[in-house]
Amino acid sequence: MTVGARKHENSGRFSSLCFPDGKKNCFYCCPPIRDPEADSLDQLAEKIRIFRLNRRNLPGNRQNAGEIRGDSCWGLGFLDAEEKLIGCLLHPHQNQGVDLRHATGYRSKCAGTLCQEAVVFSRLNPVRQQFYLALSEGMDSFHYSSRRANPLMKILPWGAPVLEAIFFFEQGRPLARMDFISRYGFFWNELNYRLDAWLAGEIIKRYGLKVIIANPRKFLDFRRRLLSRLQQKINKKADNPPILPVHQLSIPLEFSRLLKFGLNLWEASAVKVGKLQEVILQEVERFT
């Protein structure tokens, strides 16, 4: 959730992924109707120019408020004269507690936006947060917000089991950014968190992270064969009500992604999903 600048308190816990240290911040979710494939480094020079103008021209922009577009919002700009922080110029933190976001027509969407990366990050304890924030050391807000450039944003969607395993494998010692990419870049270069996060987590719980680090290809082949066999079973069997969207069932988010993006199973009964999970876990036990 991109907000206005606020004083960073060195309390031993980072309150959010959005404003981690007072030196940079993430504005990935702005504008709230942005193209999901857009990146903060796209058209960088033009963004810098626009963010500078939006800060300077905010009073006039408010008087002549127009609709925002998917690629820009007149309320999004540099929050400080040093041009380090980028966020909502209409946020109450920027306006003595007065919320002006209604002027864009998307106030509720702006106020309610929280990316999954930020949710995962908020559940890490302070030591883990610092371990992973070290990956963004020296980045500016544009690179920090980028899902292309920032390995922190690429590893967070893998969830707690993978994040914990990496932390313990490195014995809690933070890695330099390029060292981390060299060692763990296969998670996003070869694998896909939508398909692999839950499955990788279950394997790691049983056999440790090293079995995947040693041979990512073996894991990838295992997943492909498994999903192929499961798809054949799903196509042959009907489901019984009540049938719900799988993300509404009492299952981990990562598992619902595997069902949706790996098996194209977007709706199912809790009974069917439970049986599928049981079959998959039986296969996991035979992974090694």
C-alpha atoms as a PDB file:
ATOM      1  CA  MET A   1       0.000   0.000   0.000  1.00  0.00           C
ATOM      2  CA  THR A   2       1.753   3.172  -1.143  1.00  0.00           C
ATOM      3  CA  VAL A   3       1.349   5.887   1.450  1.00  0.00           C
ATOM      4  CA  GLY A   4       2.782   9.262   2.315  1.00  0.00           C
ATOM      5  CA  ALA A   5       6.192   9.564   3.935  1.00  0.00           C
ATOM      6  CA  ARG A   6       6.366   9.053   7.669  1.00  0.00           C
ATOM      7  CA  LYS A   7       9.166   9.067  10.186  1.00  0.00           C
ATOM      8  CA  HIS A   8      10.950   5.715  10.253  1.00  0.00           C
ATOM      9  CA  GLU A   9      11.265   4.333  13.745  1.00  0.00           C
ATOM     10  CA  ASN A  10      14.222   2.056  14.388  1.00  0.00           C
ATOM     11  CA  SER A  11      12.225  -0.191  16.697  1.00  0.00           C
ATOM     12  CA  GLY A  12      13.839  -3.485  15.728  1.00  0.00           C
ATOM     13  CA  ARG A  13      10.869  -4.369  13.534  1.00  0.00           C
ATOM     14  CA  PHE A  14      10.025  -3.111  10.089  1.00  0.00           C
ATOM     15  CA  SER A  15       6.336  -2.240   9.996  1.00  0.00           C
ATOM     16  CA  SER A  16       5.912  -2.848   6.290  1.00  0.00           C
ATOM     17  CA  LEU A  17       7.582  -3.702   3.040  1.00  0.00           C
ATOM     18  CA  CYS A  18       6.289  -0.425   1.627  1.00  0.00           C
ATOM     19  CA  PHE A  19       8.527   1.868   3.724  1.00  0.00           C
ATOM     20  CA  PRO A  20      11.372  -0.268   5.081  1.00  0.00           C
ATOM     21  CA  ASP A  21      14.043   2.215   6.129  1.00  0.00           C
ATOM     22  CA  GLY A  22      13.234   5.832   5.286  1.00  0.00           C
ATOM     23  CA  LYS A  23      15.685   5.797   2.357  1.00  0.00           C
ATOM     24  CA  LYS A  24      13.470   4.173  -0.260  1.00  0.00           C
ATOM     25  CA  ASN A  25       9.973   2.814  -0.649  1.00  0.00           C
ATOM     26  CA  CYS A  26       7.800   0.709  -2.907  1.00  0.00           C
ATOM     27  CA  PHE A  27       5.124   2.325  -5.086  1.00  0.00           C
ATOM     28  CA  TYR A  28       4.418  -0.789  -7.170  1.00  0.00           C
ATOM     29  CA  CYS A  29       0.668  -0.742  -6.485  1.00  0.00           C
ATOM     30  CA  CYS A  30       0.148   2.801  -7.838  1.00  0.00           C
ATOM     31  CA  PRO A  31      -1.875   3.723  -9.780  1.00  0.00           C
ATOM     32  CA  PRO A  32      -4.450   1.273  -8.412  1.00  0.00           C
ATOM     33  CA  ILE A  33      -5.688   0.449 -11.923  1.00  0.00           C
ATOM     34  CA  ARG A  34      -2.185  -0.085 -13.328  1.00  0.00           C
ATOM     35  CA  ASP A  35      -1.304  -2.745 -15.883  1.00  0.00           C
ATOM     36  CA  PRO A  36      -0.231  -5.743 -13.754  1.00  0.00           C
ATOM     37  CA  GLU A  37       2.678  -6.382 -16.152  1.00  0.00           C
ATOM     38  CA  ALA A  38       4.015  -2.817 -15.883  1.00  0.00           C
ATOM     39  CA  ASP A  39       7.264  -2.268 -14.000  1.00  0.00           C
ATOM     40  CA  SER A  40       8.543   0.752 -12.100  1.00  0.00           C
ATOM     41  CA  LEU A  41      11.628   0.900 -14.355  1.00  0.00           C
ATOM     42  CA  ASP A  42       9.571   1.198 -17.541  1.00  0.00           C
ATOM     43  CA  GLN A  43      10.040   4.643 -19.136  1.00  0.00           C
ATOM     44  CA  LEU A  44      12.148   5.693 -16.169  1.00  0.00           C
ATOM     45  CA  ALA A  45      13.142   9.156 -17.391  1.00  0.00           C
ATOM     46  CA  GLU A  46       9.507   9.994 -18.132  1.00  0.00           C
ATOM     47  CA  LYS A  47       8.405   8.784 -14.693  1.00  0.00           C
ATOM     48  CA  ILE A  48      10.990  10.996 -12.989  1.00  0.00           C
ATOM     49  CA  ARG A  49       9.782  13.994 -14.976  1.00  0.00           C
ATOM     50  CA  ILE A  50       6.119  13.333 -14.197  1.00  0.00           C
ATOM     51  CA  PHE A  51       6.674  12.641 -10.475  1.00  0.00           C
ATOM     52  CA  ARG A  52       8.608  15.919 -10.195  1.00  0.00           C
ATOM     53  CA  LEU A  53       5.845  17.849 -11.930  1.00  0.00           C
ATOM     54  CA  ASN A  54       3.104  16.210  -9.857  1.00  0.00           C
ATOM     55  CA  ARG A  55       4.802  17.294  -6.634  1.00  0.00           C
ATOM     56  CA  ARG A  56       5.285  20.834  -7.906  1.00  0.00           C
ATOM     57  CA  ASN A  57       1.821  21.212  -9.453  1.00  0.00           C
ATOM     58  CA  LEU A  58      -0.279  19.436  -6.814  1.00  0.00           C
ATOM     59  CA  PRO A  59      -2.420  22.485  -5.833  1.00  0.00           C
ATOM     60  CA  GLY A  60      -3.350  23.148  -9.459  1.00  0.00           C
ATOM     61  CA  ASN A  61      -3.907  19.461 -10.157  1.00  0.00           C
ATOM     62  CA  ARG A  62      -6.320  19.277  -7.223  1.00  0.00           C
ATOM     63  CA  GLN A  63      -8.333  22.224  -8.525  1.00  0.00           C
ATOM     64  CA  ASN A  64      -8.509  20.743 -12.011  1.00  0.00           C
ATOM     65  CA  ALA A  65      -8.697  17.101 -10.986  1.00  0.00           C
ATOM     66  CA  GLY A  66      -9.139  14.738 -13.876  1.00  0.00           C
ATOM     67  CA  GLU A  67      -9.566  11.005 -14.069  1.00  0.00           C
ATOM     68  CA  ILE A  68      -6.454   8.967 -13.515  1.00  0.00           C
ATOM     69  CA  ARG A  69      -5.247   6.435 -16.070  1.00  0.00           C
ATOM     70  CA  GLY A  70      -3.755   2.984 -15.732  1.00  0.00           C
ATOM     71  CA  ASP A  71      -0.278   4.285 -16.459  1.00  0.00           C
ATOM     72  CA  SER A  72      -0.326   7.482 -14.401  1.00  0.00           C
ATOM     73  CA  CYS A  73      -1.991   9.322 -11.538  1.00  0.00           C
ATOM     74  CA  TRP A  74      -1.597  13.025 -10.901  1.00  0.00           C
ATOM     75  CA  GLY A  75      -1.551  12.275  -7.148  1.00  0.00           C
ATOM     76  CA  LEU A  76       1.548  10.073  -7.410  1.00  0.00           C
ATOM     77  CA  GLY A  77       4.873  11.855  -7.098  1.00  0.00           C
ATOM     78  CA  PHE A  78       8.032  12.507  -5.146  1.00  0.00           C
ATOM     79  CA  LEU A  79       7.251  12.919  -1.462  1.00  0.00           C
ATOM     80  CA  ASP A  80      10.457  14.717  -0.503  1.00  0.00           C
ATOM     81  CA  ALA A  81      12.650  17.441  -1.949  1.00  0.00           C
ATOM     82  CA  GLU A  82      15.557  14.970  -2.240  1.00  0.00           C
ATOM     83  CA  GLU A  83      13.388  12.808  -4.515  1.00  0.00           C
ATOM     84  CA  LYS A  84      14.124   9.608  -2.621  1.00  0.00           C
ATOM     85  CA  LEU A  85      10.573   8.597  -1.692  1.00  0.00           C
ATOM     86  CA  ILE A  86       7.661   8.157  -4.089  1.00  0.00           C
ATOM     87  CA  GLY A  87       4.032   7.823  -3.111  1.00  0.00           C
ATOM     88  CA  CYS A  88       0.591   9.309  -2.800  1.00  0.00           C
ATOM     89  CA  LEU A  89       0.601  13.094  -2.444  1.00  0.00           C
ATOM     90  CA  LEU A  90      -3.067  12.909  -1.417  1.00  0.00           C
ATOM     91  CA  HIS A  91      -2.540  10.485   1.464  1.00  0.00           C
ATOM     92  CA  PRO A  92      -3.406  11.717   4.999  1.00  0.00           C
ATOM     93  CA  HIS A  93       0.261  11.347   6.031  1.00  0.00           C
ATOM     94  CA  GLN A  94       1.024  14.088   3.520  1.00  0.00           C
ATOM     95  CA  ASN A  95      -1.877  16.364   4.441  1.00  0.00           C
ATOM     96  CA  GLN A  96      -2.005  16.738   8.223  1.00  0.00           C
ATOM     97  CA  GLY A  97      -4.292  13.738   8.563  1.00  0.00           C
ATOM     98  CA  VAL A  98      -6.741  14.774   5.846  1.00  0.00           C
ATOM     99  CA  ASP A  99      -7.447  12.089   3.264  1.00  0.00           C
ATOM    100  CA  LEU A 100      -7.684  13.637  -0.213  1.00  0.00           C
ATOM    101  CA  ARG A 101      -7.598  10.435  -2.234  1.00  0.00           C
ATOM    102  CA  HIS A 102     -11.300  10.715  -3.087  1.00  0.00           C
ATOM    103  CA  ALA A 103     -10.295  13.298  -5.709  1.00  0.00           C
ATOM    104  CA  THR A 104      -8.925  10.572  -7.995  1.00  0.00           C
ATOM    105  CA  GLY A 105     -12.151   8.579  -7.875  1.00  0.00           C
ATOM    106  CA  TYR A 106     -10.348   5.501  -6.527  1.00  0.00           C
ATOM    107  CA  ARG A 107     -10.001   6.221  -2.826  1.00  0.00           C
ATOM    108  CA  SER A 108     -11.317   2.846  -1.582  1.00  0.00           C
ATOM    109  CA  LYS A 109      -9.112   0.949  -4.027  1.00  0.00           C
ATOM    110  CA  CYS A 110      -6.059   3.023  -3.054  1.00  0.00           C
ATOM    111  CA  ALA A 111      -6.723   2.491   0.650  1.00  0.00           C
ATOM    112  CA  GLY A 112      -7.323  -1.231   0.307  1.00  0.00           C
ATOM    113  CA  THR A 113      -4.403  -2.229  -1.888  1.00  0.00           C
ATOM    114  CA  LEU A 114      -1.810  -4.497  -0.289  1.00  0.00           C
ATOM    115  CA  CYS A 115       0.341  -6.754  -2.439  1.00  0.00           C
ATOM    116  CA  GLN A 116       0.936 -10.381  -1.505  1.00  0.00           C
ATOM    117  CA  GLU A 117       4.652  -9.691  -1.081  1.00  0.00           C
ATOM    118  CA  ALA A 118       3.860  -7.192   1.662  1.00  0.00           C
ATOM    119  CA  VAL A 119       1.563  -9.694   3.384  1.00  0.00           C
ATOM    120  CA  VAL A 120       4.261 -12.380   3.392  1.00  0.00           C
ATOM    121  CA  PHE A 121       6.890  -9.905   4.587  1.00  0.00           C
ATOM    122  CA  SER A 122       4.697  -8.726   7.473  1.00  0.00           C
ATOM    123  CA  ARG A 123       4.565 -12.297   8.807  1.00  0.00           C
ATOM    124  CA  LEU A 124       8.337 -12.638   9.042  1.00  0.00           C
ATOM    125  CA  ASN A 125       9.973 -11.904  12.368  1.00  0.00           C
ATOM    126  CA  PRO A 126      12.363  -8.908  12.594  1.00  0.00           C
ATOM    127  CA  VAL A 127      15.528 -10.963  12.098  1.00  0.00           C
ATOM    128  CA  ARG A 128      14.178 -12.542   8.894  1.00  0.00           C
ATOM    129  CA  GLN A 129      12.962  -9.172   7.668  1.00  0.00           C
ATOM    130  CA  GLN A 130      16.445  -7.690   8.031  1.00  0.00           C
ATOM    131  CA  PHE A 131      18.016 -10.743   6.355  1.00  0.00           C
ATOM    132  CA  TYR A 132      15.869 -10.292   3.257  1.00  0.00           C
ATOM    133  CA  LEU A 133      15.930  -6.489   3.214  1.00  0.00           C
ATOM    134  CA  ALA A 134      19.723  -6.722   2.852  1.00  0.00           C
ATOM    135  CA  LEU A 135      19.028  -7.783  -0.755  1.00  0.00           C
ATOM    136  CA  SER A 136      17.806  -4.259  -1.526  1.00  0.00           C
ATOM    137  CA  GLU A 137      20.714  -2.425   0.101  1.00  0.00           C
ATOM    138  CA  GLY A 138      21.652   0.653  -1.944  1.00  0.00           C
ATOM    139  CA  MET A 139      18.597   0.546  -4.191  1.00  0.00           C
ATOM    140  CA  ASP A 140      16.565   3.648  -4.962  1.00  0.00           C
ATOM    141  CA  SER A 141      12.766   3.596  -4.888  1.00  0.00           C
ATOM    142  CA  PHE A 142      12.473   2.815  -8.592  1.00  0.00           C
ATOM    143  CA  HIS A 143      14.688  -0.272  -8.396  1.00  0.00           C
ATOM    144  CA  TYR A 144      13.283  -1.304  -5.011  1.00  0.00           C
ATOM    145  CA  SER A 145       9.741  -1.277  -6.457  1.00  0.00           C
ATOM    146  CA  SER A 146      10.767  -3.213  -9.557  1.00  0.00           C
ATOM    147  CA  ARG A 147       9.710  -6.849  -9.878  1.00  0.00           C
ATOM    148  CA  ARG A 148      12.399  -7.190 -12.550  1.00  0.00           C
ATOM    149  CA  ALA A 149      15.335  -5.727 -10.622  1.00  0.00           C
ATOM    150  CA  ASN A 150      14.681  -6.487  -6.950  1.00  0.00           C
ATOM    151  CA  PRO A 151      15.316 -10.131  -5.930  1.00  0.00           C
ATOM    152  CA  LEU A 152      13.494  -9.477  -2.652  1.00  0.00           C
ATOM    153  CA  MET A 153      10.242  -9.051  -4.576  1.00  0.00           C
ATOM    154  CA  LYS A 154      10.968 -12.217  -6.561  1.00  0.00           C
ATOM    155  CA  ILE A 155      11.605 -14.488  -3.585  1.00  0.00           C
ATOM    156  CA  LEU A 156       8.826 -13.258  -1.249  1.00  0.00           C
ATOM    157  CA  PRO A 157       5.971 -14.862  -3.262  1.00  0.00           C
ATOM    158  CA  TRP A 158       7.478 -18.287  -2.520  1.00  0.00           C
ATOM    159  CA  GLY A 159       6.139 -18.056   1.024  1.00  0.00           C
ATOM    160  CA  ALA A 160       7.298 -18.956   4.520  1.00  0.00           C
ATOM    161  CA  PRO A 161       8.635 -22.530   4.017  1.00  0.00           C
ATOM    162  CA  VAL A 162      11.071 -21.470   1.281  1.00  0.00           C
ATOM    163  CA  LEU A 163      12.002 -18.204   3.004  1.00  0.00           C
ATOM    164  CA  GLU A 164      12.680 -19.976   6.300  1.00  0.00           C
ATOM    165  CA  ALA A 165      14.709 -22.694   4.575  1.00  0.00           C
ATOM    166  CA  ILE A 166      16.957 -20.149   2.846  1.00  0.00           C
ATOM    167  CA  PHE A 167      17.429 -18.219   6.082  1.00  0.00           C
ATOM    168  CA  PHE A 168      18.544 -21.321   7.975  1.00  0.00           C
ATOM    169  CA  PHE A 169      20.641 -22.617   5.081  1.00  0.00           C
ATOM    170  CA  GLU A 170      22.594 -19.338   5.186  1.00  0.00           C
ATOM    171  CA  GLN A 171      22.695 -19.517   9.010  1.00  0.00           C
ATOM    172  CA  GLY A 172      21.036 -16.121   9.200  1.00  0.00           C
ATOM    173  CA  ARG A 173      23.947 -14.312   7.538  1.00  0.00           C
ATOM    174  CA  PRO A 174      22.639 -11.842   4.913  1.00  0.00           C
ATOM    175  CA  LEU A 175      23.930 -12.284   1.382  1.00  0.00           C
ATOM    176  CA  ALA A 176      25.014  -9.604  -1.027  1.00  0.00           C
ATOM    177  CA  ARG A 177      22.454  -9.122  -3.769  1.00  0.00           C
ATOM    178  CA  MET A 178      24.490 -10.691  -6.584  1.00  0.00           C
ATOM    179  CA  ASP A 179      25.493 -13.636  -4.396  1.00  0.00           C
ATOM    180  CA  PHE A 180      21.843 -14.280  -3.580  1.00  0.00           C
ATOM    181  CA  ILE A 181      20.852 -14.110  -7.247  1.00  0.00           C
ATOM    182  CA  SER A 182      23.675 -16.472  -8.194  1.00  0.00           C
ATOM    183  CA  ARG A 183      22.678 -18.992  -5.528  1.00  0.00           C
ATOM    184  CA  TYR A 184      18.880 -18.773  -5.597  1.00  0.00           C
ATOM    185  CA  GLY A 185      17.991 -17.164  -8.929  1.00  0.00           C
ATOM    186  CA  PHE A 186      16.724 -20.516 -10.230  1.00  0.00           C
ATOM    187  CA  PHE A 187      13.609 -19.992  -8.091  1.00  0.00           C
ATOM    188  CA  TRP A 188      12.408 -17.357 -10.567  1.00  0.00           C
ATOM    189  CA  ASN A 189      14.551 -18.094 -13.652  1.00  0.00           C
ATOM    190  CA  GLU A 190      13.720 -21.814 -13.918  1.00  0.00           C
ATOM    191  CA  LEU A 191      10.790 -22.376 -11.564  1.00  0.00           C
ATOM    192  CA  ASN A 192       7.475 -20.567 -11.157  1.00  0.00           C
ATOM    193  CA  TYR A 193       6.130 -19.679  -7.719  1.00  0.00           C
ATOM    194  CA  ARG A 194       2.520 -20.026  -8.885  1.00  0.00           C
ATOM    195  CA  LEU A 195       3.120 -23.653  -9.791  1.00  0.00           C
ATOM    196  CA  ASP A 196       5.955 -24.587  -7.488  1.00  0.00           C
ATOM    197  CA  ALA A 197       5.793 -22.731  -4.153  1.00  0.00           C
ATOM    198  CA  TRP A 198       3.550 -25.175  -2.290  1.00  0.00           C
ATOM    199  CA  LEU A 199       5.177 -28.267  -3.764  1.00  0.00           C
ATOM    200  CA  ALA A 200       8.688 -26.969  -3.080  1.00  0.00           C
ATOM    201  CA  GLY A 201       7.676 -26.099   0.474  1.00  0.00           C
ATOM    202  CA  GLU A 202       6.409 -29.618   1.145  1.00  0.00           C
ATOM    203  CA  ILE A 203       9.575 -31.190  -0.265  1.00  0.00           C
ATOM    204  CA  ILE A 204      11.790 -28.818   1.715  1.00  0.00           C
ATOM    205  CA  LYS A 205       9.941 -29.665   4.931  1.00  0.00           C
ATOM    206  CA  ARG A 206      10.812 -33.338   4.446  1.00  0.00           C
ATOM    207  CA  TYR A 207      14.220 -33.341   2.774  1.00  0.00           C
ATOM    208  CA  GLY A 208      15.681 -29.875   3.232  1.00  0.00           C
ATOM    209  CA  LEU A 209      16.481 -27.101   0.798  1.00  0.00           C
ATOM    210  CA  LYS A 210      19.610 -28.781  -0.508  1.00  0.00           C
ATOM    211  CA  VAL A 211      17.720 -31.360  -2.576  1.00  0.00           C
ATOM    212  CA  ILE A 212      16.256 -28.560  -4.689  1.00  0.00           C
ATOM    213  CA  ILE A 213      19.408 -26.438  -4.823  1.00  0.00           C
ATOM    214  CA  ALA A 214      21.436 -29.453  -5.945  1.00  0.00           C
ATOM    215  CA  ASN A 215      19.116 -30.268  -8.844  1.00  0.00           C
ATOM    216  CA  PRO A 216      16.334 -27.817  -9.742  1.00  0.00           C
ATOM    217  CA  ARG A 217      15.773 -29.774 -12.954  1.00  0.00           C
ATOM    218  CA  LYS A 218      14.838 -32.901 -11.001  1.00  0.00           C
ATOM    219  CA  PHE A 219      12.213 -30.913  -9.109  1.00  0.00           C
ATOM    220  CA  LEU A 220      10.879 -29.407 -12.336  1.00  0.00           C
ATOM    221  CA  ASP A 221      10.589 -32.822 -14.009  1.00  0.00           C
ATOM    222  CA  PHE A 222       8.874 -34.207 -10.898  1.00  0.00           C
ATOM    223  CA  ARG A 223       6.300 -31.422 -10.981  1.00  0.00           C
ATOM    224  CA  ARG A 224       5.616 -31.860 -14.687  1.00  0.00           C
ATOM    225  CA  ARG A 225       5.056 -35.601 -14.415  1.00  0.00           C
ATOM    226  CA  LEU A 226       2.904 -35.199 -11.329  1.00  0.00           C
ATOM    227  CA  LEU A 227       0.630 -32.561 -12.838  1.00  0.00           C
ATOM    228  CA  SER A 228       0.270 -34.563 -16.048  1.00  0.00           C
ATOM    229  CA  ARG A 229      -0.935 -37.630 -14.126  1.00  0.00           C
ATOM    230  CA  LEU A 230      -3.245 -35.584 -11.939  1.00  0.00           C
ATOM    231  CA  GLN A 231      -4.754 -33.789 -14.938  1.00  0.00           C
ATOM    232  CA  GLN A 232      -5.756 -37.125 -16.452  1.00  0.00           C
ATOM    233  CA  LYS A 233      -7.463 -38.166 -13.213  1.00  0.00           C
ATOM    234  CA  ILE A 234      -9.300 -34.854 -12.863  1.00  0.00           C
ATOM    235  CA  ASN A 235     -10.638 -35.060 -16.408  1.00  0.00           C
ATOM    236  CA  LYS A 236     -12.095 -38.515 -15.771  1.00  0.00           C
ATOM    237  CA  LYS A 237     -13.813 -37.800 -12.474  1.00  0.00           C
ATOM    238  CA  ALA A 238     -16.830 -35.630 -11.834  1.00  0.00           C
ATOM    239  CA  ASP A 239     -17.098 -33.493  -8.708  1.00  0.00           C
ATOM    240  CA  ASN A 240     -19.922 -33.303  -6.224  1.00  0.00           C
ATOM    241  CA  PRO A 241     -21.331 -30.138  -4.635  1.00  0.00           C
ATOM    242  CA  PRO A 242     -20.814 -27.886  -2.867  1.00  0.00           C
ATOM    243  CA  ILE A 243     -18.323 -26.535  -5.395  1.00  0.00           C
ATOM    244  CA  LEU A 244     -16.475 -23.295  -4.598  1.00  0.00           C
ATOM    245  CA  PRO A 245     -13.639 -21.218  -6.060  1.00  0.00           C
ATOM    246  CA  VAL A 246     -10.556 -23.016  -4.751  1.00  0.00           C
ATOM    247  CA  HIS A 247      -9.083 -19.860  -3.195  1.00  0.00           C
ATOM    248  CA  GLN A 248     -12.148 -19.739  -0.927  1.00  0.00           C
ATOM    249  CA  LEU A 249     -11.475 -23.196   0.497  1.00  0.00           C
ATOM    250  CA  SER A 250      -9.536 -23.700   3.719  1.00  0.00           C
ATOM    251  CA  ILE A 251      -6.250 -24.428   1.978  1.00  0.00           C
ATOM    252  CA  PRO A 252      -2.967 -22.487   1.719  1.00  0.00           C
ATOM    253  CA  LEU A 253      -2.825 -19.773  -0.922  1.00  0.00           C
ATOM    254  CA  GLU A 254       0.164 -21.511  -2.491  1.00  0.00           C
ATOM    255  CA  PHE A 255      -1.823 -24.742  -2.877  1.00  0.00           C
ATOM    256  CA  SER A 256      -4.765 -22.929  -4.473  1.00  0.00           C
ATOM    257  CA  ARG A 257      -2.327 -21.469  -7.023  1.00  0.00           C
ATOM    258  CA  LEU A 258      -1.047 -24.942  -7.875  1.00  0.00           C
ATOM    259  CA  LEU A 259      -4.622 -26.088  -8.478  1.00  0.00           C
ATOM    260  CA  LYS A 260      -5.481 -23.074 -10.626  1.00  0.00           C
ATOM    261  CA  PHE A 261      -2.328 -22.572 -12.655  1.00  0.00           C
ATOM    262  CA  GLY A 262      -1.034 -26.143 -12.662  1.00  0.00           C
ATOM    263  CA  LEU A 263      -4.254 -28.126 -13.050  1.00  0.00           C
ATOM    264  CA  ASN A 264      -6.617 -25.441 -14.367  1.00  0.00           C
ATOM    265  CA  LEU A 265      -8.887 -26.304 -11.456  1.00  0.00           C
ATOM    266  CA  TRP A 266     -10.514 -23.024 -10.459  1.00  0.00           C
ATOM    267  CA  GLU A 267     -13.586 -24.461  -8.745  1.00  0.00           C
ATOM    268  CA  ALA A 268     -13.936 -27.685  -6.771  1.00  0.00           C
ATOM    269  CA  SER A 269     -15.411 -29.225  -3.654  1.00  0.00           C
ATOM    270  CA  ALA A 270     -13.424 -29.422  -0.436  1.00  0.00           C
ATOM    271  CA  VAL A 271     -13.626 -33.229  -0.673  1.00  0.00           C
ATOM    272  CA  LYS A 272     -12.070 -33.320  -4.133  1.00  0.00           C
ATOM    273  CA  VAL A 273      -9.307 -30.888  -3.169  1.00  0.00           C
ATOM    274  CA  GLY A 274      -8.595 -32.890  -0.033  1.00  0.00           C
ATOM    275  CA  LYS A 275      -8.180 -36.086  -2.055  1.00  0.00           C
ATOM    276  CA  LEU A 276      -5.901 -34.328  -4.543  1.00  0.00           C
ATOM    277  CA  GLN A 277      -3.757 -33.010  -1.720  1.00  0.00           C
ATOM    278  CA  GLU A 278      -3.487 -36.492  -0.248  1.00  0.00           C
ATOM    279  CA  VAL A 279      -2.359 -37.947  -3.595  1.00  0.00           C
ATOM    280  CA  ILE A 280       0.217 -35.192  -4.092  1.00  0.00           C
ATOM    281  CA  LEU A 281       1.666 -35.652  -0.606  1.00  0.00           C
ATOM    282  CA  GLN A 282       1.990 -39.378  -1.246  1.00  0.00           C
ATOM    283  CA  GLU A 283       4.039 -38.564  -4.342  1.00  0.00           C
ATOM    284  CA  VAL A 284       6.147 -36.094  -2.355  1.00  0.00           C
ATOM    285  CA  GLU A 285       7.070 -38.901   0.026  1.00  0.00           C
ATOM    286  CA  ARG A 286       8.598 -40.691  -2.958  1.00  0.00           C
ATOM    287  CA  PHE A 287      10.467 -37.656  -4.283  1.00  0.00           C
ATOM    288  CA  THR A 288      13.938 -38.883  -3.330  1.00  0.00           C
END
